[in-house]
Amino acid sequence: MSDRAADTAGDRMDPATEAFIAHRNLLFTVAYEMLGSAADAEDVLQETWMRWAGVDLGTVRDQRAYLVQITTRQALTRLRTLGRRKETYVGPWLPEPLLTTPDVAEDVELADKVSMAMLLVLETLTPTERAVFVLREVFDLAYDEIAEAVDKSPAAVRQIAHRARSHVAARRPRDAVSSAETRAALHAFQRALETGDLQNLLDTLAPNVVLLSDGGGLKQALTRPVVGAHRVARLVTTGLKRIEAETSFEPVQVNGNPGLIVRLNGETDTIMAVRVENGLITGLYFVRNPDKLSHVEQETTLSR
């Protein structure tokens, strides 16, 4: 729903507005999980509101399920458009990071599902597979509810869900990592960055660590992944030495997990997210595209 609709609702909201506001955080989370873009998720919510406002509520048995259904259909349409956009994207594409509220980190399962690493895994699914996986694995919707949202039979949805789960399981970390373990690895990484100590930096990285950076053609960034601890460490330390601006690193919660905001002369320049396994960083994600940094100046509430 738009801010205008909320403002005009006044102190006594109509039932449609009240229902939409009650489920807004959930609907945003559904759209964001499917799209990996907060800006596109907000657009989907606008489209959902416009359709919801015209619904006869007397015909709706379950308002939450109905709203999720509308949101999913709108997100699926936009997801196919995003796929075409990514074909011409300059350099690697990373999800749009969110500065999340503390309660997201407390929900371990949700934090795992919205992590940058998981969103990248979801990018390898087809649009329908992604929708089914998100609705089933993240929001625990029944197969018949998902079937209505993606316009498939419940039997087909079960098959799609099984295929998507197998695909994700083959590409995600085998063991869950606690926030404390991730925070410890990230803190050591931050200290190494601040001191410029190459060996300390190497000590935080797994031998096969992968670095991805996203500038979208608007900021300098890598055009392809960099693999290997020594290559990554040298690249990062050399890059920092070339920066003439005052650089600061602020620990924050990025997509429900520990991350860093890098500021140059007080201005947000980069969001760093990490993937950690066995106490070492196996994935580094640097988002520099300014179009993707609008949701990191204030916290976003996600919910299931």
C-alpha atoms as a PDB file:
ATOM      1  CA  MET A   1       0.000   0.000   0.000  1.00  0.00           C
ATOM      2  CA  SER A   2       1.220   3.474  -0.764  1.00  0.00           C
ATOM      3  CA  ASP A   3       1.943   6.053   1.932  1.00  0.00           C
ATOM      4  CA  ARG A   4      -0.884   8.102   0.439  1.00  0.00           C
ATOM      5  CA  ALA A   5      -3.361   5.295   1.045  1.00  0.00           C
ATOM      6  CA  ALA A   6      -2.173   4.982   4.630  1.00  0.00           C
ATOM      7  CA  ASP A   7      -2.466   8.727   5.175  1.00  0.00           C
ATOM      8  CA  THR A   8      -5.995   8.922   3.791  1.00  0.00           C
ATOM      9  CA  ALA A   9      -7.083   6.016   5.933  1.00  0.00           C
ATOM     10  CA  GLY A  10      -7.029   8.276   8.995  1.00  0.00           C
ATOM     11  CA  ASP A  11      -7.664   6.973  12.466  1.00  0.00           C
ATOM     12  CA  ARG A  12     -10.382   4.582  11.296  1.00  0.00           C
ATOM     13  CA  MET A  13      -9.010   2.392   8.536  1.00  0.00           C
ATOM     14  CA  ASP A  14     -11.272   0.460   6.237  1.00  0.00           C
ATOM     15  CA  PRO A  15     -11.008  -3.368   6.488  1.00  0.00           C
ATOM     16  CA  ALA A  16      -8.956  -3.727   3.278  1.00  0.00           C
ATOM     17  CA  THR A  17      -6.382  -1.179   4.430  1.00  0.00           C
ATOM     18  CA  GLU A  18      -6.215  -2.673   7.911  1.00  0.00           C
ATOM     19  CA  ALA A  19      -5.612  -6.181   6.535  1.00  0.00           C
ATOM     20  CA  PHE A  20      -2.937  -4.989   4.139  1.00  0.00           C
ATOM     21  CA  ILE A  21      -1.049  -3.081   6.830  1.00  0.00           C
ATOM     22  CA  ALA A  22      -1.267  -6.061   9.181  1.00  0.00           C
ATOM     23  CA  HIS A  23       0.461  -8.295   6.615  1.00  0.00           C
ATOM     24  CA  ARG A  24       2.704  -5.742   4.911  1.00  0.00           C
ATOM     25  CA  ASN A  25       6.011  -6.931   6.404  1.00  0.00           C
ATOM     26  CA  LEU A  26       5.180 -10.512   5.444  1.00  0.00           C
ATOM     27  CA  LEU A  27       4.283  -9.500   1.878  1.00  0.00           C
ATOM     28  CA  PHE A  28       7.475  -7.465   1.514  1.00  0.00           C
ATOM     29  CA  THR A  29       9.495 -10.459   2.714  1.00  0.00           C
ATOM     30  CA  VAL A  30       7.781 -12.753   0.194  1.00  0.00           C
ATOM     31  CA  ALA A  31       8.474 -10.337  -2.664  1.00  0.00           C
ATOM     32  CA  TYR A  32      12.056  -9.660  -1.580  1.00  0.00           C
ATOM     33  CA  GLU A  33      12.837 -13.376  -1.194  1.00  0.00           C
ATOM     34  CA  MET A  34      11.565 -13.977  -4.713  1.00  0.00           C
ATOM     35  CA  LEU A  35      13.264 -10.984  -6.326  1.00  0.00           C
ATOM     36  CA  GLY A  36      16.409 -10.210  -4.335  1.00  0.00           C
ATOM     37  CA  SER A  37      15.590  -6.528  -4.853  1.00  0.00           C
ATOM     38  CA  ALA A  38      14.034  -4.286  -2.235  1.00  0.00           C
ATOM     39  CA  ALA A  39      13.116  -1.647  -4.807  1.00  0.00           C
ATOM     40  CA  ASP A  40      11.274  -4.194  -6.954  1.00  0.00           C
ATOM     41  CA  ALA A  41       9.663  -5.696  -3.849  1.00  0.00           C
ATOM     42  CA  GLU A  42       8.254  -2.272  -2.971  1.00  0.00           C
ATOM     43  CA  ASP A  43       6.861  -1.963  -6.501  1.00  0.00           C
ATOM     44  CA  VAL A  44       5.243  -5.385  -6.151  1.00  0.00           C
ATOM     45  CA  LEU A  45       3.596  -4.258  -2.917  1.00  0.00           C
ATOM     46  CA  GLN A  46       2.143  -1.217  -4.720  1.00  0.00           C
ATOM     47  CA  GLU A  47       0.723  -3.501  -7.400  1.00  0.00           C
ATOM     48  CA  THR A  48      -0.596  -5.894  -4.751  1.00  0.00           C
ATOM     49  CA  TRP A  49      -2.339  -3.054  -2.936  1.00  0.00           C
ATOM     50  CA  MET A  50      -4.035  -1.809  -6.102  1.00  0.00           C
ATOM     51  CA  ARG A  51      -5.455  -5.259  -6.786  1.00  0.00           C
ATOM     52  CA  TRP A  52      -6.353  -5.905  -3.150  1.00  0.00           C
ATOM     53  CA  ALA A  53      -8.235  -2.610  -2.904  1.00  0.00           C
ATOM     54  CA  GLY A  54     -10.629  -3.816  -5.604  1.00  0.00           C
ATOM     55  CA  VAL A  55     -11.364  -7.201  -4.016  1.00  0.00           C
ATOM     56  CA  ASP A  56     -14.761  -7.972  -2.450  1.00  0.00           C
ATOM     57  CA  LEU A  57     -13.613  -8.997   1.032  1.00  0.00           C
ATOM     58  CA  GLY A  58     -16.825 -10.942   1.545  1.00  0.00           C
ATOM     59  CA  THR A  59     -15.528 -13.521  -0.931  1.00  0.00           C
ATOM     60  CA  VAL A  60     -12.138 -13.931   0.779  1.00  0.00           C
ATOM     61  CA  ARG A  61     -11.876 -16.861   3.173  1.00  0.00           C
ATOM     62  CA  ASP A  62      -8.239 -16.304   4.273  1.00  0.00           C
ATOM     63  CA  GLN A  63      -6.979 -12.747   3.835  1.00  0.00           C
ATOM     64  CA  ARG A  64      -3.328 -13.605   4.543  1.00  0.00           C
ATOM     65  CA  ALA A  65      -3.282 -16.402   1.968  1.00  0.00           C
ATOM     66  CA  TYR A  66      -5.096 -14.265  -0.589  1.00  0.00           C
ATOM     67  CA  LEU A  67      -2.632 -11.389  -0.165  1.00  0.00           C
ATOM     68  CA  VAL A  68       0.328 -13.758  -0.443  1.00  0.00           C
ATOM     69  CA  GLN A  69      -1.225 -15.170  -3.607  1.00  0.00           C
ATOM     70  CA  ILE A  70      -1.528 -11.712  -5.202  1.00  0.00           C
ATOM     71  CA  THR A  71       2.007 -10.792  -4.149  1.00  0.00           C
ATOM     72  CA  THR A  72       3.439 -14.036  -5.520  1.00  0.00           C
ATOM     73  CA  ARG A  73       1.780 -13.589  -8.891  1.00  0.00           C
ATOM     74  CA  GLN A  74       3.006 -10.011  -9.201  1.00  0.00           C
ATOM     75  CA  ALA A  75       6.507 -11.034  -8.096  1.00  0.00           C
ATOM     76  CA  LEU A  76       6.598 -13.861 -10.655  1.00  0.00           C
ATOM     77  CA  THR A  77       5.776 -11.417 -13.441  1.00  0.00           C
ATOM     78  CA  ARG A  78       8.483  -9.029 -12.263  1.00  0.00           C
ATOM     79  CA  LEU A  79      10.988 -11.851 -11.750  1.00  0.00           C
ATOM     80  CA  ARG A  80      10.810 -12.725 -15.441  1.00  0.00           C
ATOM     81  CA  THR A  81      11.416  -9.064 -16.309  1.00  0.00           C
ATOM     82  CA  LEU A  82      14.390  -8.970 -13.927  1.00  0.00           C
ATOM     83  CA  GLY A  83      15.847 -11.999 -15.682  1.00  0.00           C
ATOM     84  CA  ARG A  84      15.959 -10.073 -18.937  1.00  0.00           C
ATOM     85  CA  ARG A  85      17.521  -7.068 -17.185  1.00  0.00           C
ATOM     86  CA  LYS A  86      20.268  -9.198 -15.654  1.00  0.00           C
ATOM     87  CA  GLU A  87      21.291 -10.420 -19.113  1.00  0.00           C
ATOM     88  CA  THR A  88      22.620  -6.915 -19.877  1.00  0.00           C
ATOM     89  CA  TYR A  89      23.814  -6.087 -16.343  1.00  0.00           C
ATOM     90  CA  VAL A  90      27.405  -4.826 -16.136  1.00  0.00           C
ATOM     91  CA  GLY A  91      29.501  -7.284 -14.108  1.00  0.00           C
ATOM     92  CA  PRO A  92      28.270  -9.758 -11.478  1.00  0.00           C
ATOM     93  CA  TRP A  93      24.751  -9.204 -10.117  1.00  0.00           C
ATOM     94  CA  LEU A  94      24.315  -9.375  -6.338  1.00  0.00           C
ATOM     95  CA  PRO A  95      21.051  -9.096  -4.371  1.00  0.00           C
ATOM     96  CA  GLU A  96      20.140  -5.701  -2.967  1.00  0.00           C
ATOM     97  CA  PRO A  97      21.261  -5.748   0.693  1.00  0.00           C
ATOM     98  CA  LEU A  98      18.978  -4.830   3.574  1.00  0.00           C
ATOM     99  CA  LEU A  99      19.904  -3.414   6.961  1.00  0.00           C
ATOM    100  CA  THR A 100      17.672  -5.648   9.080  1.00  0.00           C
ATOM    101  CA  THR A 101      16.189  -5.356  12.552  1.00  0.00           C
ATOM    102  CA  PRO A 102      17.640  -7.454  15.422  1.00  0.00           C
ATOM    103  CA  ASP A 103      14.597  -9.758  15.530  1.00  0.00           C
ATOM    104  CA  VAL A 104      15.464 -11.082  12.056  1.00  0.00           C
ATOM    105  CA  ALA A 105      18.809 -12.367  13.357  1.00  0.00           C
ATOM    106  CA  GLU A 106      16.995 -14.003  16.286  1.00  0.00           C
ATOM    107  CA  ASP A 107      14.901 -16.039  13.833  1.00  0.00           C
ATOM    108  CA  VAL A 108      17.760 -18.312  12.747  1.00  0.00           C
ATOM    109  CA  GLU A 109      15.798 -19.983   9.960  1.00  0.00           C
ATOM    110  CA  LEU A 110      14.614 -16.680   8.475  1.00  0.00           C
ATOM    111  CA  ALA A 111      18.109 -15.165   8.733  1.00  0.00           C
ATOM    112  CA  ASP A 112      19.494 -18.143   6.817  1.00  0.00           C
ATOM    113  CA  LYS A 113      16.827 -17.884   4.112  1.00  0.00           C
ATOM    114  CA  VAL A 114      17.362 -14.147   3.487  1.00  0.00           C
ATOM    115  CA  SER A 115      21.167 -14.234   3.658  1.00  0.00           C
ATOM    116  CA  MET A 116      23.081 -12.982   0.635  1.00  0.00           C
ATOM    117  CA  ALA A 117      24.501 -16.470   0.116  1.00  0.00           C
ATOM    118  CA  MET A 118      21.035 -18.067   0.050  1.00  0.00           C
ATOM    119  CA  LEU A 119      19.597 -15.395  -2.248  1.00  0.00           C
ATOM    120  CA  LEU A 120      22.413 -16.141  -4.695  1.00  0.00           C
ATOM    121  CA  VAL A 121      21.533 -19.831  -4.577  1.00  0.00           C
ATOM    122  CA  LEU A 122      17.884 -18.972  -5.264  1.00  0.00           C
ATOM    123  CA  GLU A 123      19.049 -17.084  -8.364  1.00  0.00           C
ATOM    124  CA  THR A 124      19.896 -20.453  -9.914  1.00  0.00           C
ATOM    125  CA  LEU A 125      16.248 -21.618  -9.753  1.00  0.00           C
ATOM    126  CA  THR A 126      13.623 -20.996 -12.402  1.00  0.00           C
ATOM    127  CA  PRO A 127      11.011 -18.348 -11.444  1.00  0.00           C
ATOM    128  CA  THR A 128       8.374 -20.973 -10.600  1.00  0.00           C
ATOM    129  CA  GLU A 129      10.863 -23.109  -8.643  1.00  0.00           C
ATOM    130  CA  ARG A 130      11.922 -20.056  -6.670  1.00  0.00           C
ATOM    131  CA  ALA A 131       8.335 -19.108  -5.854  1.00  0.00           C
ATOM    132  CA  VAL A 132       7.473 -22.635  -4.732  1.00  0.00           C
ATOM    133  CA  PHE A 133      10.648 -22.977  -2.658  1.00  0.00           C
ATOM    134  CA  VAL A 134      10.140 -19.626  -0.938  1.00  0.00           C
ATOM    135  CA  LEU A 135       6.472 -20.200  -0.151  1.00  0.00           C
ATOM    136  CA  ARG A 136       7.046 -23.735   1.113  1.00  0.00           C
ATOM    137  CA  GLU A 137      10.442 -23.591   2.826  1.00  0.00           C
ATOM    138  CA  VAL A 138      10.372 -20.036   4.176  1.00  0.00           C
ATOM    139  CA  PHE A 139       6.686 -19.440   4.842  1.00  0.00           C
ATOM    140  CA  ASP A 140       5.465 -23.034   5.243  1.00  0.00           C
ATOM    141  CA  LEU A 141       2.421 -22.594   3.025  1.00  0.00           C
ATOM    142  CA  ALA A 142       0.339 -25.671   2.205  1.00  0.00           C
ATOM    143  CA  TYR A 143       0.769 -27.160  -1.266  1.00  0.00           C
ATOM    144  CA  ASP A 144      -2.773 -26.290  -2.288  1.00  0.00           C
ATOM    145  CA  GLU A 145      -2.214 -22.624  -1.312  1.00  0.00           C
ATOM    146  CA  ILE A 146       1.011 -22.534  -3.313  1.00  0.00           C
ATOM    147  CA  ALA A 147      -0.760 -24.180  -6.249  1.00  0.00           C
ATOM    148  CA  GLU A 148      -3.248 -21.314  -6.396  1.00  0.00           C
ATOM    149  CA  ALA A 149      -0.457 -18.735  -6.225  1.00  0.00           C
ATOM    150  CA  VAL A 150       1.627 -20.224  -9.063  1.00  0.00           C
ATOM    151  CA  ASP A 151      -1.286 -21.592 -11.127  1.00  0.00           C
ATOM    152  CA  LYS A 152      -0.202 -25.224 -10.930  1.00  0.00           C
ATOM    153  CA  SER A 153      -1.823 -28.372  -9.558  1.00  0.00           C
ATOM    154  CA  PRO A 154      -0.888 -29.418  -5.993  1.00  0.00           C
ATOM    155  CA  ALA A 155       0.764 -32.551  -7.424  1.00  0.00           C
ATOM    156  CA  ALA A 156       2.904 -30.465  -9.766  1.00  0.00           C
ATOM    157  CA  VAL A 157       3.834 -28.131  -6.899  1.00  0.00           C
ATOM    158  CA  ARG A 158       5.044 -31.098  -4.824  1.00  0.00           C
ATOM    159  CA  GLN A 159       7.317 -32.183  -7.674  1.00  0.00           C
ATOM    160  CA  ILE A 160       8.617 -28.644  -8.183  1.00  0.00           C
ATOM    161  CA  ALA A 161       9.242 -28.272  -4.427  1.00  0.00           C
ATOM    162  CA  HIS A 162      11.220 -31.532  -4.345  1.00  0.00           C
ATOM    163  CA  ARG A 163      13.306 -30.489  -7.345  1.00  0.00           C
ATOM    164  CA  ALA A 164      13.969 -27.035  -5.887  1.00  0.00           C
ATOM    165  CA  ARG A 165      14.951 -28.420  -2.465  1.00  0.00           C
ATOM    166  CA  SER A 166      17.441 -30.823  -4.055  1.00  0.00           C
ATOM    167  CA  HIS A 167      18.897 -28.025  -6.171  1.00  0.00           C
ATOM    168  CA  VAL A 168      19.304 -25.687  -3.187  1.00  0.00           C
ATOM    169  CA  ALA A 169      20.695 -28.421  -0.913  1.00  0.00           C
ATOM    170  CA  ALA A 170      23.460 -29.160  -3.425  1.00  0.00           C
ATOM    171  CA  ARG A 171      24.579 -25.510  -3.461  1.00  0.00           C
ATOM    172  CA  ARG A 172      24.175 -24.275   0.107  1.00  0.00           C
ATOM    173  CA  PRO A 173      26.498 -24.811   3.100  1.00  0.00           C
ATOM    174  CA  ARG A 174      25.927 -28.206   4.692  1.00  0.00           C
ATOM    175  CA  ASP A 175      26.077 -26.975   8.296  1.00  0.00           C
ATOM    176  CA  ALA A 176      24.265 -24.020   9.825  1.00  0.00           C
ATOM    177  CA  VAL A 177      26.578 -21.315  11.144  1.00  0.00           C
ATOM    178  CA  SER A 178      25.716 -19.333  14.252  1.00  0.00           C
ATOM    179  CA  SER A 179      25.648 -15.550  14.265  1.00  0.00           C
ATOM    180  CA  ALA A 180      28.406 -15.625  16.889  1.00  0.00           C
ATOM    181  CA  GLU A 181      30.715 -17.624  14.601  1.00  0.00           C
ATOM    182  CA  THR A 182      30.007 -15.332  11.651  1.00  0.00           C
ATOM    183  CA  ARG A 183      30.489 -12.256  13.817  1.00  0.00           C
ATOM    184  CA  ALA A 184      33.838 -13.535  15.103  1.00  0.00           C
ATOM    185  CA  ALA A 185      35.129 -14.217  11.586  1.00  0.00           C
ATOM    186  CA  LEU A 186      33.898 -10.853  10.357  1.00  0.00           C
ATOM    187  CA  HIS A 187      35.456  -9.026  13.321  1.00  0.00           C
ATOM    188  CA  ALA A 188      38.833 -10.615  12.583  1.00  0.00           C
ATOM    189  CA  PHE A 189      38.411  -9.648   8.919  1.00  0.00           C
ATOM    190  CA  GLN A 190      37.567  -6.062   9.890  1.00  0.00           C
ATOM    191  CA  ARG A 191      40.610  -5.774  12.159  1.00  0.00           C
ATOM    192  CA  ALA A 192      42.843  -7.049   9.373  1.00  0.00           C
ATOM    193  CA  LEU A 193      41.368  -4.464   6.994  1.00  0.00           C
ATOM    194  CA  GLU A 194      41.902  -1.659   9.492  1.00  0.00           C
ATOM    195  CA  THR A 195      45.529  -2.602  10.175  1.00  0.00           C
ATOM    196  CA  GLY A 196      46.348  -3.575   6.589  1.00  0.00           C
ATOM    197  CA  ASP A 197      47.967  -6.783   7.836  1.00  0.00           C
ATOM    198  CA  LEU A 198      48.054  -9.223   4.919  1.00  0.00           C
ATOM    199  CA  GLN A 199      48.799 -12.311   7.022  1.00  0.00           C
ATOM    200  CA  ASN A 200      45.966 -11.583   9.468  1.00  0.00           C
ATOM    201  CA  LEU A 201      43.660 -11.133   6.505  1.00  0.00           C
ATOM    202  CA  LEU A 202      44.773 -14.461   5.038  1.00  0.00           C
ATOM    203  CA  ASP A 203      44.092 -16.121   8.403  1.00  0.00           C
ATOM    204  CA  THR A 204      40.392 -15.178   8.117  1.00  0.00           C
ATOM    205  CA  LEU A 205      39.907 -16.578   4.610  1.00  0.00           C
ATOM    206  CA  ALA A 206      39.247 -20.139   3.477  1.00  0.00           C
ATOM    207  CA  PRO A 207      41.704 -21.364   0.802  1.00  0.00           C
ATOM    208  CA  ASN A 208      38.948 -21.411  -1.843  1.00  0.00           C
ATOM    209  CA  VAL A 209      37.209 -18.161  -0.804  1.00  0.00           C
ATOM    210  CA  VAL A 210      35.229 -16.429  -3.565  1.00  0.00           C
ATOM    211  CA  LEU A 211      34.920 -12.631  -3.827  1.00  0.00           C
ATOM    212  CA  LEU A 212      32.060 -11.079  -5.807  1.00  0.00           C
ATOM    213  CA  SER A 213      31.515  -7.353  -6.210  1.00  0.00           C
ATOM    214  CA  ASP A 214      28.607  -5.496  -7.789  1.00  0.00           C
ATOM    215  CA  GLY A 215      29.040  -1.984  -9.145  1.00  0.00           C
ATOM    216  CA  GLY A 216      26.401  -2.205 -11.860  1.00  0.00           C
ATOM    217  CA  GLY A 217      28.556  -0.094 -14.162  1.00  0.00           C
ATOM    218  CA  LEU A 218      28.094   2.873 -11.818  1.00  0.00           C
ATOM    219  CA  LYS A 219      30.992   2.158  -9.435  1.00  0.00           C
ATOM    220  CA  GLN A 220      34.299   0.398 -10.020  1.00  0.00           C
ATOM    221  CA  ALA A 221      33.911  -3.301  -9.295  1.00  0.00           C
ATOM    222  CA  LEU A 222      35.249  -6.671 -10.391  1.00  0.00           C
ATOM    223  CA  THR A 223      33.913  -7.923 -13.697  1.00  0.00           C
ATOM    224  CA  ARG A 224      34.196 -11.565 -12.624  1.00  0.00           C
ATOM    225  CA  PRO A 225      34.601 -13.575  -9.403  1.00  0.00           C
ATOM    226  CA  VAL A 226      38.017 -13.748  -7.738  1.00  0.00           C
ATOM    227  CA  VAL A 227      38.881 -17.132  -6.218  1.00  0.00           C
ATOM    228  CA  GLY A 228      41.574 -18.075  -3.700  1.00  0.00           C
ATOM    229  CA  ALA A 229      42.715 -16.634  -0.381  1.00  0.00           C
ATOM    230  CA  HIS A 230      45.985 -15.095  -1.629  1.00  0.00           C
ATOM    231  CA  ARG A 231      44.380 -13.476  -4.673  1.00  0.00           C
ATOM    232  CA  VAL A 232      41.491 -12.094  -2.631  1.00  0.00           C
ATOM    233  CA  ALA A 233      43.722 -10.828   0.194  1.00  0.00           C
ATOM    234  CA  ARG A 234      46.119  -9.074  -2.181  1.00  0.00           C
ATOM    235  CA  LEU A 235      43.259  -7.518  -4.126  1.00  0.00           C
ATOM    236  CA  VAL A 236      41.527  -6.194  -0.993  1.00  0.00           C
ATOM    237  CA  THR A 237      44.647  -4.812   0.676  1.00  0.00           C
ATOM    238  CA  THR A 238      45.873  -3.197  -2.550  1.00  0.00           C
ATOM    239  CA  GLY A 239      42.466  -1.644  -3.123  1.00  0.00           C
ATOM    240  CA  LEU A 240      42.352  -0.157   0.371  1.00  0.00           C
ATOM    241  CA  LYS A 241      45.825   1.353   0.006  1.00  0.00           C
ATOM    242  CA  ARG A 242      44.694   3.181  -3.128  1.00  0.00           C
ATOM    243  CA  ILE A 243      41.759   4.836  -1.354  1.00  0.00           C
ATOM    244  CA  GLU A 244      42.640   8.408  -0.455  1.00  0.00           C
ATOM    245  CA  ALA A 245      39.421   9.136   1.459  1.00  0.00           C
ATOM    246  CA  GLU A 246      38.892   8.548   5.178  1.00  0.00           C
ATOM    247  CA  THR A 247      37.651   4.953   5.460  1.00  0.00           C
ATOM    248  CA  SER A 248      35.524   3.485   8.250  1.00  0.00           C
ATOM    249  CA  PHE A 249      33.948   0.068   8.840  1.00  0.00           C
ATOM    250  CA  GLU A 250      30.687  -0.232  10.795  1.00  0.00           C
ATOM    251  CA  PRO A 251      29.400  -3.635  11.969  1.00  0.00           C
ATOM    252  CA  VAL A 252      25.698  -4.024  11.144  1.00  0.00           C
ATOM    253  CA  GLN A 253      23.086  -6.697  10.474  1.00  0.00           C
ATOM    254  CA  VAL A 254      22.861  -7.284   6.722  1.00  0.00           C
ATOM    255  CA  ASN A 255      20.018  -9.576   5.683  1.00  0.00           C
ATOM    256  CA  GLY A 256      19.792 -10.975   9.192  1.00  0.00           C
ATOM    257  CA  ASN A 257      23.514 -11.735   9.410  1.00  0.00           C
ATOM    258  CA  PRO A 258      26.632  -9.844  10.534  1.00  0.00           C
ATOM    259  CA  GLY A 259      27.998  -7.509   7.846  1.00  0.00           C
ATOM    260  CA  LEU A 260      29.884  -4.252   7.390  1.00  0.00           C
ATOM    261  CA  ILE A 261      29.085  -0.824   6.016  1.00  0.00           C
ATOM    262  CA  VAL A 262      32.163   0.766   4.445  1.00  0.00           C
ATOM    263  CA  ARG A 263      32.049   4.558   4.453  1.00  0.00           C
ATOM    264  CA  LEU A 264      34.359   6.912   2.599  1.00  0.00           C
ATOM    265  CA  ASN A 265      34.461  10.387   4.136  1.00  0.00           C
ATOM    266  CA  GLY A 266      31.294   9.499   6.018  1.00  0.00           C
ATOM    267  CA  GLU A 267      29.317   8.443   2.918  1.00  0.00           C
ATOM    268  CA  THR A 268      28.141   4.855   2.402  1.00  0.00           C
ATOM    269  CA  ASP A 269      30.277   3.302  -0.330  1.00  0.00           C
ATOM    270  CA  THR A 270      30.049  -0.485   0.041  1.00  0.00           C
ATOM    271  CA  ILE A 271      28.060  -3.117   1.886  1.00  0.00           C
ATOM    272  CA  MET A 272      30.079  -6.205   2.786  1.00  0.00           C
ATOM    273  CA  ALA A 273      28.331  -9.499   3.485  1.00  0.00           C
ATOM    274  CA  VAL A 274      30.053 -12.814   4.131  1.00  0.00           C
ATOM    275  CA  ARG A 275      29.512 -16.528   4.056  1.00  0.00           C
ATOM    276  CA  VAL A 276      31.319 -18.435   6.804  1.00  0.00           C
ATOM    277  CA  GLU A 277      32.078 -22.141   7.145  1.00  0.00           C
ATOM    278  CA  ASN A 278      34.216 -23.771   9.847  1.00  0.00           C
ATOM    279  CA  GLY A 279      35.180 -20.364  11.218  1.00  0.00           C
ATOM    280  CA  LEU A 280      36.620 -19.097   7.914  1.00  0.00           C
ATOM    281  CA  ILE A 281      35.139 -16.798   5.281  1.00  0.00           C
ATOM    282  CA  THR A 282      34.261 -18.752   2.137  1.00  0.00           C
ATOM    283  CA  GLY A 283      32.261 -16.023   0.399  1.00  0.00           C
ATOM    284  CA  LEU A 284      32.708 -12.240   0.259  1.00  0.00           C
ATOM    285  CA  TYR A 285      29.999 -10.081  -1.310  1.00  0.00           C
ATOM    286  CA  PHE A 286      30.732  -6.389  -1.914  1.00  0.00           C
ATOM    287  CA  VAL A 287      27.742  -4.354  -3.108  1.00  0.00           C
ATOM    288  CA  ARG A 288      28.817  -0.954  -4.466  1.00  0.00           C
ATOM    289  CA  ASN A 289      26.060  -0.144  -6.945  1.00  0.00           C
ATOM    290  CA  PRO A 290      24.535   3.038  -5.440  1.00  0.00           C
ATOM    291  CA  ASP A 291      21.106   2.051  -6.787  1.00  0.00           C
ATOM    292  CA  LYS A 292      21.207  -0.924  -4.408  1.00  0.00           C
ATOM    293  CA  LEU A 293      22.197   0.970  -1.260  1.00  0.00           C
ATOM    294  CA  SER A 294      18.977   2.862  -0.540  1.00  0.00           C
ATOM    295  CA  HIS A 295      17.786   0.322   2.066  1.00  0.00           C
ATOM    296  CA  VAL A 296      20.921   0.351   4.243  1.00  0.00           C
ATOM    297  CA  GLU A 297      20.468   3.696   5.953  1.00  0.00           C
ATOM    298  CA  GLN A 298      17.518   2.462   8.016  1.00  0.00           C
ATOM    299  CA  GLU A 299      16.469  -0.949   9.279  1.00  0.00           C
ATOM    300  CA  THR A 300      13.936  -3.074   7.414  1.00  0.00           C
ATOM    301  CA  THR A 301      11.560  -5.387   9.250  1.00  0.00           C
ATOM    302  CA  LEU A 302      11.097  -8.836   7.715  1.00  0.00           C
ATOM    303  CA  SER A 303       8.620 -11.428   8.950  1.00  0.00           C
ATOM    304  CA  ARG A 304       7.177 -14.855   8.233  1.00  0.00           C
END
